[in-house]
Amino acid sequence: MIGAGEQRWDGWTPTQQAELDLLEPASFAAFFGDRRADAFLCEHVWEHLTVEEGERAARLVYTYLKPGGRLRVAVPDGHHPDPAYHTDSD
């Protein structure tokens, strides 16, 4: 789980940017070494990247996936019907 925050799920390893940085190949090399992941889950992270950064991040993640592995990216839904969903809570 990339950018897991407080989420903890059985069978998943939660990470934060300090451990696994989508824009830093060295962080992936240090974290994984020769190992490869079955899957990556990344929720509410990709929307903070530029298009170019998102493409770089996808290529980086792909190199650390096992053959047939999956990357699941979830981003906020800009078409959500509730106006409160669109307000920035920061």
PDB file of N, CA and C in Angstrom:
ATOM      1  N   MET A   1       0.858  -1.169   0.000  1.00  0.00           N
ATOM      2  CA  MET A   1       0.000   0.000   0.000  1.00  0.00           C
ATOM      3  C   MET A   1       0.900   1.226   0.000  1.00  0.00           C
ATOM      4  N   ILE A   2       0.825   1.978  -1.057  1.00  0.00           N
ATOM      5  CA  ILE A   2       1.645   3.181  -1.177  1.00  0.00           C
ATOM      6  C   ILE A   2       0.850   4.355  -0.626  1.00  0.00           C
ATOM      7  N   GLY A   3       1.418   5.074   0.329  1.00  0.00           N
ATOM      8  CA  GLY A   3       0.702   6.198   0.942  1.00  0.00           C
ATOM      9  C   GLY A   3      -0.469   5.716   1.775  1.00  0.00           C
ATOM     10  N   ALA A   4      -0.252   4.696   2.585  1.00  0.00           N
ATOM     11  CA  ALA A   4      -1.327   4.029   3.320  1.00  0.00           C
ATOM     12  C   ALA A   4      -1.949   4.882   4.419  1.00  0.00           C
ATOM     13  N   GLY A   5      -1.225   5.871   4.886  1.00  0.00           N
ATOM     14  CA  GLY A   5      -1.756   6.643   6.011  1.00  0.00           C
ATOM     15  C   GLY A   5      -1.945   5.729   7.209  1.00  0.00           C
ATOM     16  N   GLU A   6      -3.127   5.746   7.787  1.00  0.00           N
ATOM     17  CA  GLU A   6      -3.434   4.923   8.960  1.00  0.00           C
ATOM     18  C   GLU A   6      -4.019   3.564   8.589  1.00  0.00           C
ATOM     19  N   GLN A   7      -4.259   3.311   7.317  1.00  0.00           N
ATOM     20  CA  GLN A   7      -4.880   2.055   6.898  1.00  0.00           C
ATOM     21  C   GLN A   7      -3.941   0.879   7.119  1.00  0.00           C
ATOM     22  N   ARG A   8      -4.492  -0.201   7.629  1.00  0.00           N
ATOM     23  CA  ARG A   8      -3.764  -1.447   7.833  1.00  0.00           C
ATOM     24  C   ARG A   8      -4.698  -2.572   7.423  1.00  0.00           C
ATOM     25  N   TRP A   9      -4.276  -3.373   6.446  1.00  0.00           N
ATOM     26  CA  TRP A   9      -5.078  -4.504   5.977  1.00  0.00           C
ATOM     27  C   TRP A   9      -4.230  -5.755   6.003  1.00  0.00           C
ATOM     28  N   ASP A  10      -4.824  -6.860   6.413  1.00  0.00           N
ATOM     29  CA  ASP A  10      -4.116  -8.136   6.408  1.00  0.00           C
ATOM     30  C   ASP A  10      -3.597  -8.439   5.006  1.00  0.00           C
ATOM     31  N   GLY A  11      -2.355  -8.891   4.937  1.00  0.00           N
ATOM     32  CA  GLY A  11      -1.764  -9.272   3.670  1.00  0.00           C
ATOM     33  C   GLY A  11      -1.133  -8.140   2.892  1.00  0.00           C
ATOM     34  N   TRP A  12      -1.253  -6.903   3.387  1.00  0.00           N
ATOM     35  CA  TRP A  12      -0.681  -5.733   2.706  1.00  0.00           C
ATOM     36  C   TRP A  12       0.370  -5.103   3.608  1.00  0.00           C
ATOM     37  N   THR A  13       1.405  -4.552   2.998  1.00  0.00           N
ATOM     38  CA  THR A  13       2.435  -3.828   3.729  1.00  0.00           C
ATOM     39  C   THR A  13       2.189  -2.339   3.537  1.00  0.00           C
ATOM     40  N   PRO A  14       1.811  -1.622   4.606  1.00  0.00           N
ATOM     41  CA  PRO A  14       1.560  -0.186   4.466  1.00  0.00           C
ATOM     42  C   PRO A  14       2.874   0.592   4.389  1.00  0.00           C
ATOM     43  N   THR A  15       2.928   1.558   3.483  1.00  0.00           N
ATOM     44  CA  THR A  15       4.114   2.412   3.359  1.00  0.00           C
ATOM     45  C   THR A  15       3.689   3.872   3.267  1.00  0.00           C
ATOM     46  N   GLN A  16       4.622   4.713   3.598  1.00  0.00           N
ATOM     47  CA  GLN A  16       4.465   6.150   3.458  1.00  0.00           C
ATOM     48  C   GLN A  16       5.567   6.641   2.512  1.00  0.00           C
ATOM     49  N   GLN A  17       5.491   7.890   2.120  1.00  0.00           N
ATOM     50  CA  GLN A  17       6.444   8.457   1.170  1.00  0.00           C
ATOM     51  C   GLN A  17       7.885   8.336   1.650  1.00  0.00           C
ATOM     52  N   ALA A  18       8.109   8.460   2.941  1.00  0.00           N
ATOM     53  CA  ALA A  18       9.479   8.362   3.469  1.00  0.00           C
ATOM     54  C   ALA A  18      10.085   6.977   3.221  1.00  0.00           C
ATOM     55  N   GLU A  19       9.245   5.951   3.126  1.00  0.00           N
ATOM     56  CA  GLU A  19       9.732   4.587   2.902  1.00  0.00           C
ATOM     57  C   GLU A  19       9.740   4.212   1.427  1.00  0.00           C
ATOM     58  N   LEU A  20       8.726   4.673   0.705  1.00  0.00           N
ATOM     59  CA  LEU A  20       8.541   4.273  -0.688  1.00  0.00           C
ATOM     60  C   LEU A  20       8.017   5.482  -1.447  1.00  0.00           C
ATOM     61  N   ASP A  21       8.929   6.179  -2.098  1.00  0.00           N
ATOM     62  CA  ASP A  21       8.603   7.422  -2.799  1.00  0.00           C
ATOM     63  C   ASP A  21       8.379   7.128  -4.280  1.00  0.00           C
ATOM     64  N   LEU A  22       7.179   7.406  -4.759  1.00  0.00           N
ATOM     65  CA  LEU A  22       6.813   7.133  -6.152  1.00  0.00           C
ATOM     66  C   LEU A  22       7.719   7.812  -7.168  1.00  0.00           C
ATOM     67  N   LEU A  23       8.450   8.819  -6.747  1.00  0.00           N
ATOM     68  CA  LEU A  23       9.303   9.556  -7.685  1.00  0.00           C
ATOM     69  C   LEU A  23      10.786   9.291  -7.460  1.00  0.00           C
ATOM     70  N   GLU A  24      11.102   8.356  -6.585  1.00  0.00           N
ATOM     71  CA  GLU A  24      12.500   8.067  -6.255  1.00  0.00           C
ATOM     72  C   GLU A  24      12.821   6.592  -6.477  1.00  0.00           C
ATOM     73  N   PRO A  25      13.415   6.258  -7.614  1.00  0.00           N
ATOM     74  CA  PRO A  25      13.783   4.855  -7.856  1.00  0.00           C
ATOM     75  C   PRO A  25      14.647   4.263  -6.740  1.00  0.00           C
ATOM     76  N   ALA A  26      15.499   5.062  -6.133  1.00  0.00           N
ATOM     77  CA  ALA A  26      16.368   4.548  -5.073  1.00  0.00           C
ATOM     78  C   ALA A  26      15.563   4.053  -3.876  1.00  0.00           C
ATOM     79  N   SER A  27      14.440   4.673  -3.584  1.00  0.00           N
ATOM     80  CA  SER A  27      13.629   4.217  -2.445  1.00  0.00           C
ATOM     81  C   SER A  27      13.022   2.842  -2.744  1.00  0.00           C
ATOM     82  N   PHE A  28      12.623   2.604  -3.986  1.00  0.00           N
ATOM     83  CA  PHE A  28      12.096   1.288  -4.364  1.00  0.00           C
ATOM     84  C   PHE A  28      13.209   0.248  -4.318  1.00  0.00           C
ATOM     85  N   ALA A  29      14.386   0.595  -4.814  1.00  0.00           N
ATOM     86  CA  ALA A  29      15.513  -0.331  -4.810  1.00  0.00           C
ATOM     87  C   ALA A  29      15.883  -0.706  -3.374  1.00  0.00           C
ATOM     88  N   ALA A  30      15.900   0.270  -2.479  1.00  0.00           N
ATOM     89  CA  ALA A  30      16.240   0.005  -1.082  1.00  0.00           C
ATOM     90  C   ALA A  30      15.160  -0.839  -0.398  1.00  0.00           C
ATOM     91  N   PHE A  31      13.908  -0.563  -0.689  1.00  0.00           N
ATOM     92  CA  PHE A  31      12.797  -1.258  -0.043  1.00  0.00           C
ATOM     93  C   PHE A  31      12.663  -2.693  -0.555  1.00  0.00           C
ATOM     94  N   PHE A  32      12.786  -2.885  -1.884  1.00  0.00           N
ATOM     95  CA  PHE A  32      12.516  -4.187  -2.491  1.00  0.00           C
ATOM     96  C   PHE A  32      13.752  -5.029  -2.766  1.00  0.00           C
ATOM     97  N   GLY A  33      14.875  -4.402  -3.062  1.00  0.00           N
ATOM     98  CA  GLY A  33      16.033  -5.189  -3.474  1.00  0.00           C
ATOM     99  C   GLY A  33      15.680  -5.988  -4.718  1.00  0.00           C
ATOM    100  N   ASP A  34      15.877  -7.303  -4.660  1.00  0.00           N
ATOM    101  CA  ASP A  34      15.547  -8.173  -5.795  1.00  0.00           C
ATOM    102  C   ASP A  34      14.111  -8.681  -5.755  1.00  0.00           C
ATOM    103  N   ARG A  35      13.386  -8.370  -4.710  1.00  0.00           N
ATOM    104  CA  ARG A  35      12.002  -8.850  -4.587  1.00  0.00           C
ATOM    105  C   ARG A  35      11.069  -8.062  -5.503  1.00  0.00           C
ATOM    106  N   ARG A  36       9.929  -8.663  -5.818  1.00  0.00           N
ATOM    107  CA  ARG A  36       8.894  -7.998  -6.611  1.00  0.00           C
ATOM    108  C   ARG A  36       7.553  -8.206  -5.924  1.00  0.00           C
ATOM    109  N   ALA A  37       6.637  -7.264  -6.134  1.00  0.00           N
ATOM    110  CA  ALA A  37       5.330  -7.302  -5.482  1.00  0.00           C
ATOM    111  C   ALA A  37       4.280  -7.957  -6.371  1.00  0.00           C
ATOM    112  N   ASP A  38       3.315  -8.593  -5.729  1.00  0.00           N
ATOM    113  CA  ASP A  38       2.161  -9.136  -6.448  1.00  0.00           C
ATOM    114  C   ASP A  38       1.234  -8.011  -6.888  1.00  0.00           C
ATOM    115  N   ALA A  39       1.141  -6.982  -6.049  1.00  0.00           N
ATOM    116  CA  ALA A  39       0.219  -5.891  -6.333  1.00  0.00           C
ATOM    117  C   ALA A  39       0.621  -4.649  -5.544  1.00  0.00           C
ATOM    118  N   PHE A  40       0.240  -3.511  -6.078  1.00  0.00           N
ATOM    119  CA  PHE A  40       0.372  -2.236  -5.383  1.00  0.00           C
ATOM    120  C   PHE A  40      -1.010  -1.611  -5.303  1.00  0.00           C
ATOM    121  N   LEU A  41      -1.329  -1.030  -4.165  1.00  0.00           N
ATOM    122  CA  LEU A  41      -2.567  -0.296  -3.963  1.00  0.00           C
ATOM    123  C   LEU A  41      -2.178   1.124  -3.589  1.00  0.00           C
ATOM    124  N   CYS A  42      -2.715   2.078  -4.317  1.00  0.00           N
ATOM    125  CA  CYS A  42      -2.360   3.477  -4.097  1.00  0.00           C
ATOM    126  C   CYS A  42      -3.639   4.314  -4.170  1.00  0.00           C
ATOM    127  N   GLU A  43      -4.145   4.718  -3.027  1.00  0.00           N
ATOM    128  CA  GLU A  43      -5.396   5.474  -2.968  1.00  0.00           C
ATOM    129  C   GLU A  43      -5.133   6.903  -2.491  1.00  0.00           C
ATOM    130  N   HIS A  44      -5.706   7.836  -3.203  1.00  0.00           N
ATOM    131  CA  HIS A  44      -5.634   9.259  -2.853  1.00  0.00           C
ATOM    132  C   HIS A  44      -4.194   9.756  -2.751  1.00  0.00           C
ATOM    133  N   VAL A  45      -3.385   9.343  -3.720  1.00  0.00           N
ATOM    134  CA  VAL A  45      -1.996   9.784  -3.817  1.00  0.00           C
ATOM    135  C   VAL A  45      -1.722  10.328  -5.216  1.00  0.00           C
ATOM    136  N   TRP A  46      -2.147   9.610  -6.231  1.00  0.00           N
ATOM    137  CA  TRP A  46      -1.809   9.947  -7.616  1.00  0.00           C
ATOM    138  C   TRP A  46      -2.301  11.339  -8.006  1.00  0.00           C
ATOM    139  N   GLU A  47      -3.381  11.795  -7.422  1.00  0.00           N
ATOM    140  CA  GLU A  47      -3.897  13.123  -7.789  1.00  0.00           C
ATOM    141  C   GLU A  47      -2.972  14.250  -7.346  1.00  0.00           C
ATOM    142  N   HIS A  48      -1.995  13.950  -6.522  1.00  0.00           N
ATOM    143  CA  HIS A  48      -1.023  14.957  -6.089  1.00  0.00           C
ATOM    144  C   HIS A  48       0.182  15.040  -7.025  1.00  0.00           C
ATOM    145  N   LEU A  49       0.199  14.203  -8.054  1.00  0.00           N
ATOM    146  CA  LEU A  49       1.296  14.178  -9.016  1.00  0.00           C
ATOM    147  C   LEU A  49       0.892  14.905 -10.292  1.00  0.00           C
ATOM    148  N   THR A  50       1.867  15.487 -10.968  1.00  0.00           N
ATOM    149  CA  THR A  50       1.597  16.032 -12.301  1.00  0.00           C
ATOM    150  C   THR A  50       1.412  14.849 -13.249  1.00  0.00           C
ATOM    151  N   VAL A  51       0.958  15.123 -14.459  1.00  0.00           N
ATOM    152  CA  VAL A  51       0.798  14.055 -15.435  1.00  0.00           C
ATOM    153  C   VAL A  51       2.144  13.374 -15.678  1.00  0.00           C
ATOM    154  N   GLU A  52       3.187  14.164 -15.854  1.00  0.00           N
ATOM    155  CA  GLU A  52       4.525  13.601 -16.075  1.00  0.00           C
ATOM    156  C   GLU A  52       4.971  12.759 -14.886  1.00  0.00           C
ATOM    157  N   GLU A  53       4.769  13.250 -13.676  1.00  0.00           N
ATOM    158  CA  GLU A  53       5.143  12.495 -12.481  1.00  0.00           C
ATOM    159  C   GLU A  53       4.338  11.197 -12.378  1.00  0.00           C
ATOM    160  N   GLY A  54       3.057  11.272 -12.707  1.00  0.00           N
ATOM    161  CA  GLY A  54       2.212  10.076 -12.677  1.00  0.00           C
ATOM    162  C   GLY A  54       2.695   9.013 -13.636  1.00  0.00           C
ATOM    163  N   GLU A  55       3.124   9.433 -14.816  1.00  0.00           N
ATOM    164  CA  GLU A  55       3.658   8.487 -15.796  1.00  0.00           C
ATOM    165  C   GLU A  55       4.972   7.878 -15.308  1.00  0.00           C
ATOM    166  N   ARG A  56       5.838   8.712 -14.736  1.00  0.00           N
ATOM    167  CA  ARG A  56       7.105   8.210 -14.184  1.00  0.00           C
ATOM    168  C   ARG A  56       6.849   7.227 -13.051  1.00  0.00           C
ATOM    169  N   ALA A  57       5.900   7.576 -12.186  1.00  0.00           N
ATOM    170  CA  ALA A  57       5.570   6.714 -11.050  1.00  0.00           C
ATOM    171  C   ALA A  57       5.027   5.368 -11.533  1.00  0.00           C
ATOM    172  N   ALA A  58       4.171   5.389 -12.546  1.00  0.00           N
ATOM    173  CA  ALA A  58       3.610   4.144 -13.074  1.00  0.00           C
ATOM    174  C   ALA A  58       4.715   3.254 -13.646  1.00  0.00           C
ATOM    175  N   ARG A  59       5.641   3.855 -14.376  1.00  0.00           N
ATOM    176  CA  ARG A  59       6.758   3.072 -14.926  1.00  0.00           C
ATOM    177  C   ARG A  59       7.613   2.475 -13.805  1.00  0.00           C
ATOM    178  N   LEU A  60       7.859   3.266 -12.763  1.00  0.00           N
ATOM    179  CA  LEU A  60       8.656   2.790 -11.638  1.00  0.00           C
ATOM    180  C   LEU A  60       7.960   1.623 -10.936  1.00  0.00           C
ATOM    181  N   VAL A  61       6.695   1.796 -10.621  1.00  0.00           N
ATOM    182  CA  VAL A  61       5.941   0.736  -9.946  1.00  0.00           C
ATOM    183  C   VAL A  61       5.938  -0.533 -10.798  1.00  0.00           C
ATOM    184  N   TYR A  62       5.749  -0.378 -12.091  1.00  0.00           N
ATOM    185  CA  TYR A  62       5.692  -1.533 -12.990  1.00  0.00           C
ATOM    186  C   TYR A  62       6.977  -2.365 -12.907  1.00  0.00           C
ATOM    187  N   THR A  63       8.117  -1.724 -12.757  1.00  0.00           N
ATOM    188  CA  THR A  63       9.379  -2.464 -12.695  1.00  0.00           C
ATOM    189  C   THR A  63       9.484  -3.311 -11.431  1.00  0.00           C
ATOM    190  N   TYR A  64       8.686  -3.003 -10.414  1.00  0.00           N
ATOM    191  CA  TYR A  64       8.717  -3.758  -9.164  1.00  0.00           C
ATOM    192  C   TYR A  64       7.515  -4.679  -8.996  1.00  0.00           C
ATOM    193  N   LEU A  65       6.780  -4.904 -10.074  1.00  0.00           N
ATOM    194  CA  LEU A  65       5.676  -5.860 -10.056  1.00  0.00           C
ATOM    195  C   LEU A  65       6.126  -7.199 -10.619  1.00  0.00           C
ATOM    196  N   LYS A  66       5.624  -8.273 -10.033  1.00  0.00           N
ATOM    197  CA  LYS A  66       5.828  -9.596 -10.605  1.00  0.00           C
ATOM    198  C   LYS A  66       5.074  -9.662 -11.932  1.00  0.00           C
ATOM    199  N   PRO A  67       5.479 -10.547 -12.829  1.00  0.00           N
ATOM    200  CA  PRO A  67       4.699 -10.728 -14.063  1.00  0.00           C
ATOM    201  C   PRO A  67       3.238 -11.039 -13.720  1.00  0.00           C
ATOM    202  N   GLY A  68       2.337 -10.332 -14.361  1.00  0.00           N
ATOM    203  CA  GLY A  68       0.912 -10.494 -14.078  1.00  0.00           C
ATOM    204  C   GLY A  68       0.441  -9.715 -12.871  1.00  0.00           C
ATOM    205  N   GLY A  69       1.361  -8.976 -12.209  1.00  0.00           N
ATOM    206  CA  GLY A  69       0.996  -8.183 -11.044  1.00  0.00           C
ATOM    207  C   GLY A  69       0.100  -7.015 -11.421  1.00  0.00           C
ATOM    208  N   ARG A  70      -0.461  -6.376 -10.412  1.00  0.00           N
ATOM    209  CA  ARG A  70      -1.421  -5.295 -10.656  1.00  0.00           C
ATOM    210  C   ARG A  70      -1.112  -4.049  -9.836  1.00  0.00           C
ATOM    211  N   LEU A  71      -1.437  -2.936 -10.433  1.00  0.00           N
ATOM    212  CA  LEU A  71      -1.397  -1.638  -9.758  1.00  0.00           C
ATOM    213  C   LEU A  71      -2.820  -1.112  -9.729  1.00  0.00           C
ATOM    214  N   ARG A  72      -3.333  -0.824  -8.542  1.00  0.00           N
ATOM    215  CA  ARG A  72      -4.652  -0.215  -8.410  1.00  0.00           C
ATOM    216  C   ARG A  72      -4.458   1.190  -7.887  1.00  0.00           C
ATOM    217  N   VAL A  73      -4.930   2.152  -8.670  1.00  0.00           N
ATOM    218  CA  VAL A  73      -4.852   3.560  -8.305  1.00  0.00           C
ATOM    219  C   VAL A  73      -6.273   4.088  -8.153  1.00  0.00           C
ATOM    220  N   ALA A  74      -6.569   4.690  -7.021  1.00  0.00           N
ATOM    221  CA  ALA A  74      -7.875   5.306  -6.794  1.00  0.00           C
ATOM    222  C   ALA A  74      -7.655   6.786  -6.514  1.00  0.00           C
ATOM    223  N   VAL A  75      -8.404   7.608  -7.197  1.00  0.00           N
ATOM    224  CA  VAL A  75      -8.330   9.060  -7.011  1.00  0.00           C
ATOM    225  C   VAL A  75      -9.736   9.592  -6.728  1.00  0.00           C
ATOM    226  N   PRO A  76      -9.845  10.785  -6.151  1.00  0.00           N
ATOM    227  CA  PRO A  76     -11.169  11.349  -5.884  1.00  0.00           C
ATOM    228  C   PRO A  76     -11.993  11.467  -7.164  1.00  0.00           C
ATOM    229  N   ASP A  77     -13.270  11.316  -7.014  1.00  0.00           N
ATOM    230  CA  ASP A  77     -14.208  11.383  -8.126  1.00  0.00           C
ATOM    231  C   ASP A  77     -14.694  12.819  -8.310  1.00  0.00           C
ATOM    232  N   GLY A  78     -14.198  13.489  -9.331  1.00  0.00           N
ATOM    233  CA  GLY A  78     -14.594  14.870  -9.615  1.00  0.00           C
ATOM    234  C   GLY A  78     -16.038  15.020 -10.062  1.00  0.00           C
ATOM    235  N   HIS A  79     -16.700  13.895 -10.376  1.00  0.00           N
ATOM    236  CA  HIS A  79     -18.097  13.944 -10.807  1.00  0.00           C
ATOM    237  C   HIS A  79     -19.060  13.533  -9.700  1.00  0.00           C
ATOM    238  N   HIS A  80     -18.561  13.424  -8.472  1.00  0.00           N
ATOM    239  CA  HIS A  80     -19.403  13.037  -7.342  1.00  0.00           C
ATOM    240  C   HIS A  80     -20.532  14.067  -7.200  1.00  0.00           C
ATOM    241  N   PRO A  81     -21.771  13.616  -7.021  1.00  0.00           N
ATOM    242  CA  PRO A  81     -22.909  14.547  -6.985  1.00  0.00           C
ATOM    243  C   PRO A  81     -23.002  15.418  -5.736  1.00  0.00           C
ATOM    244  N   ASP A  82     -22.319  15.091  -4.663  1.00  0.00           N
ATOM    245  CA  ASP A  82     -22.409  15.852  -3.418  1.00  0.00           C
ATOM    246  C   ASP A  82     -21.411  17.010  -3.452  1.00  0.00           C
ATOM    247  N   PRO A  83     -21.898  18.276  -3.425  1.00  0.00           N
ATOM    248  CA  PRO A  83     -20.987  19.421  -3.457  1.00  0.00           C
ATOM    249  C   PRO A  83     -19.973  19.426  -2.305  1.00  0.00           C
ATOM    250  N   ALA A  84     -20.331  18.858  -1.178  1.00  0.00           N
ATOM    251  CA  ALA A  84     -19.411  18.824  -0.031  1.00  0.00           C
ATOM    252  C   ALA A  84     -18.194  17.967  -0.334  1.00  0.00           C
ATOM    253  N   TYR A  85     -18.342  17.010  -1.229  1.00  0.00           N
ATOM    254  CA  TYR A  85     -17.239  16.141  -1.603  1.00  0.00           C
ATOM    255  C   TYR A  85     -16.129  16.942  -2.285  1.00  0.00           C
ATOM    256  N   HIS A  86     -16.518  18.021  -2.961  1.00  0.00           N
ATOM    257  CA  HIS A  86     -15.560  18.818  -3.739  1.00  0.00           C
ATOM    258  C   HIS A  86     -14.861  19.884  -2.914  1.00  0.00           C
ATOM    259  N   THR A  87     -15.311  20.152  -1.703  1.00  0.00           N
ATOM    260  CA  THR A  87     -14.677  21.203  -0.904  1.00  0.00           C
ATOM    261  C   THR A  87     -13.391  20.684  -0.301  1.00  0.00           C
ATOM    262  N   ASP A  88     -12.426  21.558  -0.217  1.00  0.00           N
ATOM    263  CA  ASP A  88     -11.135  21.210   0.359  1.00  0.00           C
ATOM    264  C   ASP A  88     -11.240  21.297   1.865  1.00  0.00           C
ATOM    265  N   SER A  89     -10.947  20.214   2.545  1.00  0.00           N
ATOM    266  CA  SER A  89     -11.078  20.185   4.008  1.00  0.00           C
ATOM    267  C   SER A  89      -9.798  20.602   4.708  1.00  0.00           C
ATOM    268  N   ASP A  90      -8.762  20.946   3.970  1.00  0.00           N
ATOM    269  CA  ASP A  90      -7.495  21.338   4.605  1.00  0.00           C
ATOM    270  C   ASP A  90      -7.562  22.734   5.179  1.00  0.00           C
TER     271      ASP A  90
END
